[in-house]
């Protein structure tokens, strides 16, 4: 995998609870994605202070991240600027593959990835395990053909994801008027 992407681990200020604030930069936790049905993360439940940001890692919209602890092996596309803790791997600077291809590959190979994790309280997927994980050899033509098919589908998924967010906001607004 390391021949195809740069893989870095998130970072956490300690103790984390000291840096959680009511508003600020979104702080991505594993629990923010475990029940998602979309491949995109647009909101978090918690926020991190400016001081905490300095001891964390920033992810940008479009970045692909992969959970490496608690519930390892969940890939997700960032749809907002946020900070991620050390329970996440950040996947950037892809070569010969697309983010969409890698997202689907992680989804397909999750059981094999998780089988290599270890830990006493939580399973942990070490950064080196992901870096050393085997990748199938594919040609640039195969990647290009794949992208022609998949890129519009992911574009539609993202548009539907945003539409769902708007519909939830409308629902919540209407419900607050009557209840």
Protein backbone atom coordinates (compact mmCIF):
# COMPACT_ATOMS: atom_id res chain seq x y z
CA UNK A 1 0.00 0.00 0.00
CA UNK A 2 2.81 2.43 0.80
CA UNK A 3 3.87 2.31 -2.87
CA UNK A 4 0.47 3.78 -3.77
CA UNK A 5 -0.29 6.26 -0.98
CA UNK A 6 1.13 8.30 1.86
CA UNK A 7 -0.33 6.99 5.11
CA UNK A 8 -0.01 9.00 8.31
CA UNK A 9 -1.58 8.53 11.70
CA UNK A 10 -3.74 11.15 13.35
CA UNK A 11 -2.60 12.73 16.62
CA UNK A 12 -4.31 13.52 19.92
CA UNK A 13 -3.75 16.17 22.55
CA UNK A 14 -3.70 14.63 26.05
CA UNK A 15 -5.86 14.49 27.97
CA UNK A 16 -8.37 14.80 25.13
CA UNK A 17 -11.22 15.84 27.42
CA UNK A 18 -9.32 19.03 28.30
CA UNK A 19 -9.53 20.18 24.66
CA UNK A 20 -13.17 19.35 23.84
CA UNK A 21 -15.22 22.55 23.53
CA UNK A 22 -18.85 23.43 22.61
CA UNK A 23 -17.83 25.07 19.31
CA UNK A 24 -14.67 25.12 17.28
CA UNK A 25 -13.09 22.81 14.77
CA UNK A 26 -14.93 19.50 14.27
CA UNK A 27 -13.22 16.60 16.11
CA UNK A 28 -13.67 13.29 14.30
CA UNK A 29 -14.31 10.30 16.52
CA UNK A 30 -14.86 6.71 15.48
CA UNK A 31 -18.43 6.97 16.80
CA UNK A 32 -19.10 9.71 14.21
CA UNK A 33 -18.84 7.17 11.39
CA UNK A 34 -19.89 3.77 12.75
CA UNK A 35 -23.56 4.30 11.90
CA UNK A 36 -23.10 6.32 8.70
CA UNK A 37 -24.65 4.95 5.55
CA UNK A 38 -22.88 7.53 3.39
CA UNK A 39 -19.20 7.41 2.41
CA UNK A 40 -18.97 11.09 3.42
CA UNK A 41 -18.58 12.67 6.86
CA UNK A 42 -20.10 16.15 7.07
CA UNK A 43 -20.54 16.68 10.80
CA UNK A 44 -19.17 15.61 14.14
CA UNK A 45 -20.63 15.50 17.63
CA UNK A 46 -17.66 17.18 19.29
CA UNK A 47 -15.29 20.06 18.66
CA UNK A 48 -11.69 20.68 19.60
CA UNK A 49 -10.18 23.92 20.89
CA UNK A 50 -7.52 25.94 19.08
CA UNK A 51 -4.94 24.68 21.56
CA UNK A 52 -5.96 21.08 20.88
CA UNK A 53 -5.71 21.60 17.11
CA UNK A 54 -1.98 22.24 17.55
CA UNK A 55 -1.53 18.69 18.88
CA UNK A 56 -3.80 16.99 16.36
CA UNK A 57 -3.83 16.42 12.60
CA UNK A 58 -5.97 18.39 10.19
CA UNK A 59 -7.94 16.76 7.40
CA UNK A 60 -9.51 18.61 4.50
CA UNK A 61 -12.63 18.01 2.44
CA UNK A 62 -11.89 15.19 0.00
CA UNK A 63 -9.32 13.48 2.22
CA UNK A 64 -9.77 9.75 2.73
CA UNK A 65 -9.32 8.51 6.28
CA UNK A 66 -9.38 4.99 7.71
CA UNK A 67 -10.22 4.06 11.30
CA UNK A 68 -7.41 2.16 12.98
CA UNK A 69 -8.77 1.60 16.49
CA UNK A 70 -11.94 0.62 18.38
CA UNK A 71 -13.76 -0.26 15.13
CA UNK A 72 -10.82 -0.54 12.70
CA UNK A 73 -10.97 -0.57 8.93
CA UNK A 74 -13.76 1.94 8.26
CA UNK A 75 -12.91 4.19 5.31
CA UNK A 76 -14.60 7.59 5.02
CA UNK A 77 -14.28 10.67 2.82
CA UNK A 78 -14.04 13.94 4.68
CA UNK A 79 -16.64 16.49 3.66
CA UNK A 80 -15.40 19.16 6.06
CA UNK A 81 -12.20 20.50 7.55
CA UNK A 82 -11.62 18.78 10.87
CA UNK A 83 -9.07 17.39 13.27
CA UNK A 84 -8.51 13.67 13.69
CA UNK A 85 -7.04 11.82 16.64
CA UNK A 86 -4.65 8.89 16.63
CA UNK A 87 -7.51 6.45 16.00
CA UNK A 88 -7.42 7.46 12.33
CA UNK A 89 -5.06 7.01 9.42
CA UNK A 90 -4.93 9.78 6.81
CA UNK A 91 -4.47 8.60 3.22
CA UNK A 92 -3.04 11.20 0.81
CA UNK A 93 -0.86 11.63 -2.27
CA UNK A 94 -2.20 8.64 -4.16
CA UNK A 95 -0.27 7.22 -7.10
CA UNK A 96 -1.78 4.97 -9.79
CA UNK A 97 -5.10 4.63 -7.93
CA UNK A 98 -7.98 6.94 -7.12
CA UNK A 99 -9.51 7.75 -3.75
CA UNK A 100 -12.72 6.08 -4.88
CA UNK A 101 -10.86 2.91 -5.84
CA UNK A 102 -9.04 2.84 -2.53
CA UNK A 103 -12.26 3.51 -0.57
CA UNK A 104 -13.95 0.53 -2.26
CA UNK A 105 -10.84 -1.61 -1.83
CA UNK A 106 -10.78 -0.90 1.92
CA UNK A 107 -14.48 -1.75 2.13
CA UNK A 108 -13.90 -5.02 0.28
CA UNK A 109 -10.77 -5.98 2.24
CA UNK A 110 -11.90 -4.82 5.70
CA UNK A 111 -12.09 -8.34 7.18
CA UNK A 112 -8.54 -9.09 6.02
CA UNK A 113 -7.27 -5.80 7.43
CA UNK A 114 -9.02 -6.28 10.78
CA UNK A 115 -7.71 -9.85 11.01
CA UNK A 116 -4.20 -8.34 11.22
CA UNK A 117 -5.12 -5.94 14.03
CA UNK A 118 -4.37 -6.60 17.69
CA UNK A 119 -4.95 -5.12 21.12
CA UNK A 120 -6.11 -5.97 24.61
CA UNK A 121 -9.06 -3.58 25.04
CA UNK A 122 -9.64 -2.48 21.43
CA UNK A 123 -8.38 -3.92 18.19
CA UNK A 124 -5.77 -1.61 16.71
CA UNK A 125 -4.72 -1.51 13.12
CA UNK A 126 -1.12 -0.31 13.21
CA UNK A 127 -0.01 2.11 10.52
CA UNK A 128 2.66 -0.31 9.32
CA UNK A 129 0.07 -3.05 8.77
CA UNK A 130 -1.81 -0.78 6.37
CA UNK A 131 1.41 0.38 4.70
CA UNK A 132 2.43 -3.24 4.12
CA UNK A 133 -1.04 -4.41 3.05
CA UNK A 134 -0.92 -5.95 -0.45
CA UNK A 135 -2.42 -4.14 -3.40
CA UNK A 136 -3.42 -5.73 -6.69
CA UNK A 137 -1.44 -4.63 -9.69
CA UNK A 138 -3.59 -2.64 -12.07
CA UNK A 139 -2.78 -0.71 -15.20
CA UNK A 140 -3.34 2.99 -15.71
CA UNK A 141 -5.92 2.12 -18.38
CA UNK A 142 -7.86 0.03 -15.84
CA UNK A 143 -7.73 2.90 -13.33
CA UNK A 144 -8.93 5.36 -15.99
CA UNK A 145 -11.79 3.10 -17.06
CA UNK A 146 -12.77 2.53 -13.45
CA UNK A 147 -12.77 6.28 -12.76
CA UNK A 148 -14.99 7.00 -15.76
CA UNK A 149 -17.62 4.70 -14.29
CA UNK A 150 -17.22 5.38 -10.58
CA UNK A 151 -16.55 9.13 -10.38
CA UNK A 152 -20.10 10.09 -11.47
CA UNK A 153 -21.58 7.57 -9.03
CA UNK A 154 -19.62 9.05 -6.12
CA UNK A 155 -20.64 12.52 -7.31
CA UNK A 156 -24.29 11.44 -7.13
CA UNK A 157 -23.73 9.86 -3.70
CA UNK A 158 -22.27 13.12 -2.43
CA UNK A 159 -25.15 15.17 -3.84
CA UNK A 160 -27.67 12.81 -2.22
CA UNK A 161 -25.74 12.99 1.05
CA UNK A 162 -26.05 16.80 1.02
CA UNK A 163 -29.73 16.59 0.10
CA UNK A 164 -30.32 14.27 3.08
CA UNK A 165 -28.64 16.79 5.39
CA UNK A 166 -30.91 19.55 4.10
CA UNK A 167 -34.01 17.38 4.47
CA UNK A 168 -33.07 16.53 8.07
CA UNK A 169 -32.63 20.23 8.85
CA UNK A 170 -36.06 21.01 7.35
CA UNK A 171 -37.62 18.11 9.29
CA UNK A 172 -36.06 19.26 12.55
CA UNK A 173 -37.19 22.84 11.96
CA UNK A 174 -40.78 21.78 11.23
CA UNK A 175 -40.90 19.41 14.20
CA UNK A 176 -39.62 22.12 16.55
CA UNK A 177 -42.57 24.33 15.56
CA UNK A 178 -45.15 21.74 16.53
CA UNK A 179 -43.57 19.83 19.39
